[in-house]
Protein backbone atom coordinates (compact mmCIF):
# COMPACT_ATOMS: atom_id res chain seq x y z
CA MET A 1 0.20 -0.18 -0.13
CA GLY A 2 1.41 3.31 0.70
CA ASP A 3 4.48 4.91 3.70
CA ASN A 4 1.16 4.86 6.50
CA VAL A 5 -1.55 2.20 5.13
CA GLU A 6 -0.67 -0.89 6.46
CA MET A 7 -0.08 -3.83 4.25
CA GLY A 8 -3.12 -6.44 3.28
CA VAL A 9 -5.46 -7.81 0.77
CA TYR A 10 -8.23 -4.93 0.50
CA PRO A 11 -11.29 -4.63 -1.91
CA VAL A 12 -10.61 -2.23 -4.40
CA LYS A 13 -13.97 -0.56 -2.97
CA LYS A 14 -11.64 -0.17 0.41
CA ALA A 15 -8.31 0.65 -1.18
CA LEU A 16 -10.07 3.82 -2.85
CA GLU A 17 -11.70 4.87 0.06
CA LYS A 18 -8.33 4.85 1.99
CA ALA A 19 -6.24 6.88 -1.19
CA VAL A 20 -9.23 8.98 -1.25
CA GLU A 21 -9.19 9.77 2.24
CA LEU A 22 -5.24 10.18 2.19
CA GLU A 23 -5.55 12.78 -0.56
CA LEU A 24 -3.17 10.15 -2.99
CA ASP A 25 -3.56 8.07 -5.91
CA LEU A 26 -4.31 4.44 -6.16
CA VAL A 27 -1.53 3.38 -8.37
CA GLU A 28 -1.62 -0.84 -9.48
CA ILE A 29 1.83 -2.08 -9.49
CA SER A 30 1.46 -5.77 -10.82
CA PRO A 31 -1.50 -6.21 -12.34
CA LYS A 32 -1.13 -9.87 -13.60
CA ALA A 33 -0.03 -10.76 -9.72
CA SER A 34 -3.15 -12.42 -8.05
CA PRO A 35 -4.39 -10.78 -6.30
CA PRO A 36 -3.09 -7.70 -8.06
CA VAL A 37 -0.52 -5.12 -6.26
CA CYS A 38 -1.69 -1.42 -6.15
CA LYS A 39 -0.02 0.95 -4.25
CA ILE A 40 -1.02 4.54 -2.56
CA MET A 41 0.94 6.98 -3.19
CA ASP A 42 1.15 10.74 -4.99
CA TYR A 43 1.29 9.75 -8.66
CA LYS A 44 2.51 13.15 -10.30
CA LYS A 45 5.13 12.88 -8.03
CA PHE A 46 6.50 9.22 -8.89
CA LEU A 47 6.19 10.66 -12.51
CA TYR A 48 8.22 14.00 -11.85
CA GLU A 49 10.59 12.09 -9.97
CA GLN A 50 10.82 9.41 -12.54
CA LYS A 51 11.31 11.92 -15.55
CA LYS A 52 15.06 13.35 -13.64
CA ARG A 53 15.87 10.18 -13.04
CA ASP A 54 16.02 9.16 -16.91
CA LYS A 55 17.46 13.09 -17.62
CA ALA A 56 20.15 11.94 -15.08
CA MET A 57 20.94 8.87 -16.36
CA LYS A 58 20.98 9.73 -20.11
CA ALA A 59 23.00 12.97 -19.29
CA LYS A 60 25.64 10.06 -17.86
CA ALA A 61 25.53 8.15 -20.66
CA SER A 62 28.92 9.14 -22.97
CA LYS A 63 27.70 9.99 -26.38
CA VAL A 64 30.08 7.69 -29.46
CA VAL A 65 31.94 10.04 -31.63
CA VAL A 66 33.24 8.67 -34.76
CA LYS A 67 35.33 10.69 -36.58
CA GLU A 68 36.84 9.34 -39.80
CA ILE A 69 39.61 9.08 -41.99
CA ARG A 70 40.09 8.68 -45.69
CA PHE A 71 42.75 7.27 -47.97
CA GLY A 72 43.61 6.31 -51.20
CA PRO A 73 45.17 2.75 -52.24
CA GLN A 74 48.49 4.73 -53.42
CA THR A 75 48.57 7.62 -50.84
CA ASP A 76 52.29 8.08 -49.79
CA ASP A 77 54.24 8.13 -46.80
CA HIS A 78 53.99 11.86 -45.29
CA ASP A 79 50.06 11.83 -46.29
CA TYR A 80 49.91 8.61 -44.45
CA GLU A 81 52.08 9.94 -41.48
CA PHE A 82 49.78 13.06 -41.56
CA LYS A 83 46.85 11.58 -41.23
CA LYS A 84 48.57 8.84 -39.02
CA ARG A 85 49.11 11.67 -36.40
CA HIS A 86 45.08 13.14 -36.98
CA ALA A 87 44.26 9.21 -35.89
CA GLU A 88 46.26 9.11 -32.82
CA LYS A 89 44.58 12.49 -31.62
CA PHE A 90 41.28 11.64 -32.43
CA LEU A 91 42.18 8.10 -30.32
CA LYS A 92 43.50 9.59 -27.17
CA ASP A 93 40.29 12.08 -27.32
CA GLY A 94 38.32 8.93 -26.70
CA ALA A 95 36.26 8.93 -30.39
CA LYS A 96 36.10 6.08 -32.59
CA LEU A 97 37.89 6.16 -35.66
CA LYS A 98 36.75 4.94 -39.00
CA ALA A 99 39.47 4.72 -41.64
CA TYR A 100 38.81 3.67 -44.99
CA VAL A 101 40.50 3.34 -48.17
CA PHE A 102 38.46 5.09 -51.33
CA PHE A 103 38.96 3.10 -54.59
CA LYS A 104 38.00 5.61 -57.70
CA GLY A 105 37.26 4.21 -61.32
CA ARG A 106 39.52 1.60 -62.10
CA SER A 107 42.05 1.82 -58.49
CA ILE A 108 39.84 -1.20 -57.44
CA VAL A 109 42.33 -3.19 -58.80
CA TYR A 110 44.74 -2.05 -56.00
CA LYS A 111 42.75 -3.83 -52.94
CA ASP A 112 45.12 -5.32 -51.59
CA GLN A 113 47.26 -2.07 -51.34
CA GLY A 114 44.00 -0.58 -49.49
CA GLU A 115 44.22 -3.52 -46.63
CA ILE A 116 48.08 -3.37 -46.22
CA LEU A 117 47.17 0.36 -46.24
CA LEU A 118 44.43 -0.30 -43.18
CA LEU A 119 46.49 -2.67 -41.50
CA ARG A 120 49.77 -1.01 -41.31
CA LEU A 121 47.66 2.01 -39.21
CA ALA A 122 45.90 -0.50 -36.92
CA GLN A 123 49.69 -2.22 -36.11
CA GLU A 124 50.57 1.43 -35.40
CA LEU A 125 47.53 2.59 -33.53
CA GLU A 126 47.78 -0.93 -31.62
CA GLU A 127 48.84 1.03 -28.25
CA LEU A 128 46.02 3.80 -28.41
CA GLY A 129 42.98 1.84 -29.97
CA LYS A 130 41.71 -1.81 -30.34
CA VAL A 131 40.32 -2.95 -34.11
CA GLU A 132 36.52 -3.30 -34.45
CA GLN A 133 36.12 -4.43 -36.99
CA MET A 134 39.02 -5.60 -39.96
CA PRO A 135 39.08 -3.90 -43.21
CA LYS A 136 36.11 -4.96 -44.87
CA LEU A 137 35.39 -4.11 -48.45
CA GLU A 138 31.85 -2.64 -48.74
CA GLY A 139 31.15 -0.94 -53.03
CA LYS A 140 34.03 0.67 -53.65
CA ARG A 141 35.03 1.74 -49.93
CA MET A 142 36.84 -0.74 -47.85
CA THR A 143 36.51 0.30 -44.24
CA MET A 144 37.67 -0.31 -40.92
CA PHE A 145 37.00 0.88 -37.24
CA ILE A 146 39.49 1.36 -34.09
CA ALA A 147 37.92 1.74 -30.85
CA PRO A 148 39.72 3.72 -27.93
CA LYS A 149 41.28 1.78 -25.59
CA THR A 150 40.15 3.27 -22.16
CA SER A 151 42.14 4.20 -19.59
CA LYS A 152 41.61 2.88 -16.61
CA LYS A 153 41.55 4.70 -13.66
């Protein structure tokens, strides 16, 4: 029942009378139970507190940021190093990394070079993040996901 009502089995009419007497609501907690379980409470206050809890939970939930880095199948060393430094920064900031090789026109024949490039990136970023998805060819893109390693505090 409520805070100042004895627990027990009451007929619906008597329970409703008690709720009216206390100026509260009779709320059905478990309708499938035999007999159904009800509680006398301030329903508006209950909804308000539930909304407040949900908002607090939502605020605590971390939002996943996905940063992308695009390579060509024949990206040379300077560009690769430049993009790798950006990838390191993204992983240190706690963002997921989506690295992909984009094949234009006939460059699809170099898909093995693209895979080697992504695997090299994964190996060099090993201490900052772990590979969530190995390189996978989807149409004209070979994609790989790297998640940041969580730092233990």
